[in-house]
Protein backbone atom coordinates (compact mmCIF):
# COMPACT_ATOMS: atom_id res chain seq x y z
CA THR A 1 -21.19 22.43 75.39
CA PRO A 2 -18.13 20.79 73.89
CA THR A 3 -18.23 21.20 69.99
CA VAL A 4 -18.08 17.59 68.42
CA PRO A 5 -15.66 18.16 65.02
CA GLN A 6 -17.93 17.30 62.26
CA LEU A 7 -16.13 14.14 59.28
CA ASN A 8 -15.20 15.43 56.61
CA LEU A 9 -14.66 12.86 53.94
CA ARG A 10 -13.34 13.47 50.56
CA PHE A 11 -13.36 11.45 47.45
CA ILE A 12 -10.71 11.35 44.44
CA LEU A 13 -12.06 9.55 41.32
CA ASN A 14 -9.53 8.84 39.15
CA ASP A 15 -10.25 7.65 35.61
CA ASN A 16 -8.22 6.46 32.81
CA PHE A 17 -8.34 4.83 29.29
CA ARG A 18 -6.42 4.73 26.77
CA ALA A 19 -6.21 3.61 23.23
CA VAL A 20 -3.30 2.21 21.06
CA ASN A 21 -3.61 1.15 17.66
CA ARG A 22 -0.37 -0.28 15.37
CA PHE A 23 -0.73 -1.24 11.96
CA TYR A 24 1.08 -4.02 10.28
CA GLY A 25 0.87 -3.87 7.00
CA TYR A 26 1.62 -3.87 2.62
CA ASN A 27 1.81 -1.07 0.82
CA VAL A 28 0.97 -0.58 -2.83
CA GLY A 29 0.98 2.62 -4.99
CA THR A 30 2.30 4.94 -7.86
CA VAL A 31 3.61 8.15 -8.76
CA MET A 32 2.24 9.96 -11.88
CA SER A 33 3.88 12.68 -13.25
CA CYS A 34 2.90 15.31 -15.46
CA TYR A 35 5.22 18.24 -17.37
CA ARG A 36 3.35 21.15 -19.12
CA GLY A 37 6.24 24.22 -19.02
CA ARG A 38 7.78 25.65 -15.51
CA PHE A 39 4.99 23.50 -13.88
CA SER A 40 4.60 19.64 -12.76
CA PHE A 41 1.77 18.04 -11.69
CA GLU A 42 2.12 14.60 -9.12
CA PHE A 43 -0.82 12.31 -8.48
CA ALA A 44 -0.03 9.35 -6.19
CA PRO A 45 -2.52 7.29 -5.06
CA SER A 46 -1.65 3.96 -2.41
CA ILE A 47 -3.43 1.50 -0.28
CA ALA A 48 -2.22 0.06 2.02
CA LEU A 49 -3.54 -3.63 3.45
CA GLY A 50 -2.85 -5.43 6.79
CA ALA A 51 -3.34 -6.40 10.40
CA MET A 52 -4.23 -2.72 12.85
CA ASP A 53 -3.21 -4.53 16.35
CA ARG A 54 -5.83 -2.01 18.81
CA GLU A 55 -4.58 -2.53 23.25
CA VAL A 56 -7.37 -1.05 25.39
CA ILE A 57 -6.00 0.32 29.09
CA ILE A 58 -8.30 0.98 31.81
CA TYR A 59 -8.08 1.78 34.92
CA GLY A 60 -9.36 3.48 37.70
CA ASP A 61 -9.20 4.09 41.36
CA THR A 62 -10.39 5.59 44.36
CA THR A 63 -8.65 7.71 47.49
CA THR A 64 -10.66 8.78 50.25
CA LEU A 65 -9.31 11.41 52.60
CA SER A 66 -9.85 12.47 56.04
CA ASN A 67 -10.05 15.57 58.10
CA VAL A 68 -9.21 13.54 61.30
CA PRO A 69 -5.72 13.48 62.47
CA GLY A 70 -3.89 10.28 62.30
CA VAL A 71 -6.07 8.58 59.59
CA GLN A 72 -4.20 7.83 56.54
CA PRO A 73 -6.06 8.06 53.35
CA THR A 74 -7.06 4.88 51.43
CA VAL A 75 -6.94 3.96 47.84
CA ALA A 76 -9.22 1.62 46.15
CA LEU A 77 -9.95 0.13 42.83
CA GLY A 78 -12.31 1.43 40.55
CA GLY A 79 -13.07 4.63 40.15
CA LEU A 80 -16.44 6.47 37.80
CA LEU A 81 -16.51 4.69 34.59
CA ALA A 82 -13.54 2.53 35.84
CA GLN A 83 -14.83 -0.52 37.33
CA ARG A 84 -13.33 -3.92 38.09
CA THR A 85 -16.15 -5.03 35.59
CA ASN A 86 -13.72 -3.14 32.42
CA ILE A 87 -10.95 -2.70 33.92
CA GLY A 88 -7.68 -4.41 32.29
CA ASN A 89 -5.52 -4.61 29.26
CA HIS A 90 -8.00 -4.98 26.43
CA GLU A 91 -5.91 -6.48 23.19
CA ASP A 92 -7.26 -8.11 20.14
CA THR A 93 -6.35 -7.74 16.05
CA GLN A 94 -8.37 -7.09 13.03
CA PHE A 95 -8.13 -6.90 8.76
CA SER A 96 -7.27 -3.26 8.22
CA VAL A 97 -7.37 -1.25 4.84
CA MET A 98 -5.28 2.29 4.56
CA PRO A 99 -6.03 3.99 1.27
CA GLN A 100 -3.62 7.02 1.19
CA ILE A 101 -4.06 9.62 -2.13
CA GLY A 102 -0.99 12.54 -2.35
CA LEU A 103 -1.48 15.55 -5.18
CA ASN A 104 1.67 17.96 -5.88
CA ILE A 105 2.33 21.07 -7.95
CA GLY A 106 5.42 22.42 -8.80
CA TYR A 107 6.83 25.55 -10.44
CA ALA A 108 10.47 25.30 -12.16
CA ILE A 109 11.59 29.01 -11.12
CA THR A 110 15.02 27.43 -12.53
CA LYS A 111 16.71 24.53 -14.16
CA ASN A 112 18.44 24.00 -10.98
CA LEU A 113 15.23 25.32 -8.25
CA ARG A 114 11.94 23.97 -7.99
CA ILE A 115 8.78 24.96 -5.85
CA PHE A 116 6.22 23.22 -5.21
CA GLY A 117 2.94 22.40 -3.05
CA GLY A 118 0.57 19.69 -2.03
CA TYR A 119 -2.42 17.70 -0.50
CA THR A 120 -2.85 14.11 1.60
CA PHE A 121 -5.26 12.31 2.63
CA LEU A 122 -5.16 9.21 4.88
CA TYR A 123 -7.98 6.98 5.78
CA ALA A 124 -8.16 3.55 7.92
CA ASN A 125 -10.67 1.78 9.65
CA ASN A 126 -10.89 -0.38 12.17
CA VAL A 127 -9.15 1.63 14.94
CA MET A 128 -10.38 2.05 18.75
CA ARG A 129 -10.76 5.34 20.07
CA ALA A 130 -10.70 5.74 23.91
CA GLY A 131 -14.13 7.40 24.09
CA ASP A 132 -15.76 4.26 22.63
CA ALA A 133 -14.02 2.21 25.35
CA ILE A 134 -16.08 4.47 28.12
CA ASP A 135 -19.91 2.95 28.58
CA PRO A 136 -21.41 5.39 30.56
CA VAL A 137 -24.00 2.84 32.67
CA VAL A 138 -22.23 2.12 36.05
CA ASP A 139 -23.60 0.16 38.80
CA SER A 140 -23.44 2.44 41.81
CA ARG A 141 -22.95 -0.68 43.82
CA LEU A 142 -19.65 -0.71 42.29
CA ILE A 143 -18.35 2.92 43.84
CA PRO A 144 -15.49 2.18 46.11
CA PRO A 145 -16.59 1.38 49.00
CA PRO A 146 -18.45 -1.38 47.31
CA ALA A 147 -21.66 -2.22 48.48
CA ALA A 148 -23.86 -5.10 49.05
CA GLY A 149 -24.26 -6.97 45.59
CA ALA A 150 -21.59 -5.61 43.96
CA ASN A 151 -20.42 -8.89 42.89
CA LEU A 152 -23.72 -9.51 40.82
CA ALA A 153 -22.70 -5.88 38.38
CA THR A 154 -21.70 -6.71 34.75
CA ARG A 155 -21.34 -3.01 34.16
CA PRO A 156 -19.90 -0.86 32.76
CA ARG A 157 -18.34 -3.27 30.96
CA PHE A 158 -15.44 -3.19 27.95
CA GLU A 159 -15.91 -4.20 24.27
CA PHE A 160 -14.39 -3.00 21.22
CA LYS A 161 -15.76 -0.55 18.35
CA ASP A 162 -14.38 -0.66 15.61
CA GLY A 163 -14.25 3.28 14.69
CA ASP A 164 -12.34 5.63 11.46
CA PHE A 165 -9.81 7.72 11.61
CA TRP A 166 -8.66 10.15 8.66
CA ALA A 167 -5.86 12.03 8.27
CA GLN A 168 -4.93 15.88 6.03
CA GLY A 169 -1.65 17.57 5.26
CA ILE A 170 -0.35 19.95 3.18
CA ASN A 171 3.38 20.51 2.34
CA ILE A 172 5.10 22.89 0.69
CA GLY A 173 8.58 22.86 -0.19
CA ALA A 174 11.81 23.24 -2.28
CA GLU A 175 13.78 21.69 -4.49
CA LEU A 176 17.14 22.14 -5.48
CA ARG A 177 19.35 20.06 -7.98
């Protein structure tokens, strides 16, 4: 009896979620210094107020591969979590506040050489993260090839979610005068 080759299909699903935050604003701050003998202490608070431009780019596709000779791979719009209901460039602007605090301690080794170290903390509100753009609810009718009723699907959907971002830093250095 002749053997019939088995049709094997492979699917490669690709989802891309990217978020970009750009801050445009005004920064106001001060630096307060205190000297005690060879030691110096510096406190530098500031606050920035302005606009946070947020952009989220969502894209997805599905590649279908076949083991049948001569059959070319096909690519369809939509992966698993990135579907035609949420794919695209999404942009908005929100008012944002960015406080920052810096602390430095220095020591004058000689009249012309000073070493120092410090800590900085920065906070920003109304940022968008790529992970927050993912809607885990998927309408299986949308997974390529789309099934009957796919035009009625409303999920996964995109919505902006306000998030927070904070960063810490340390610094060390030397100053030669």
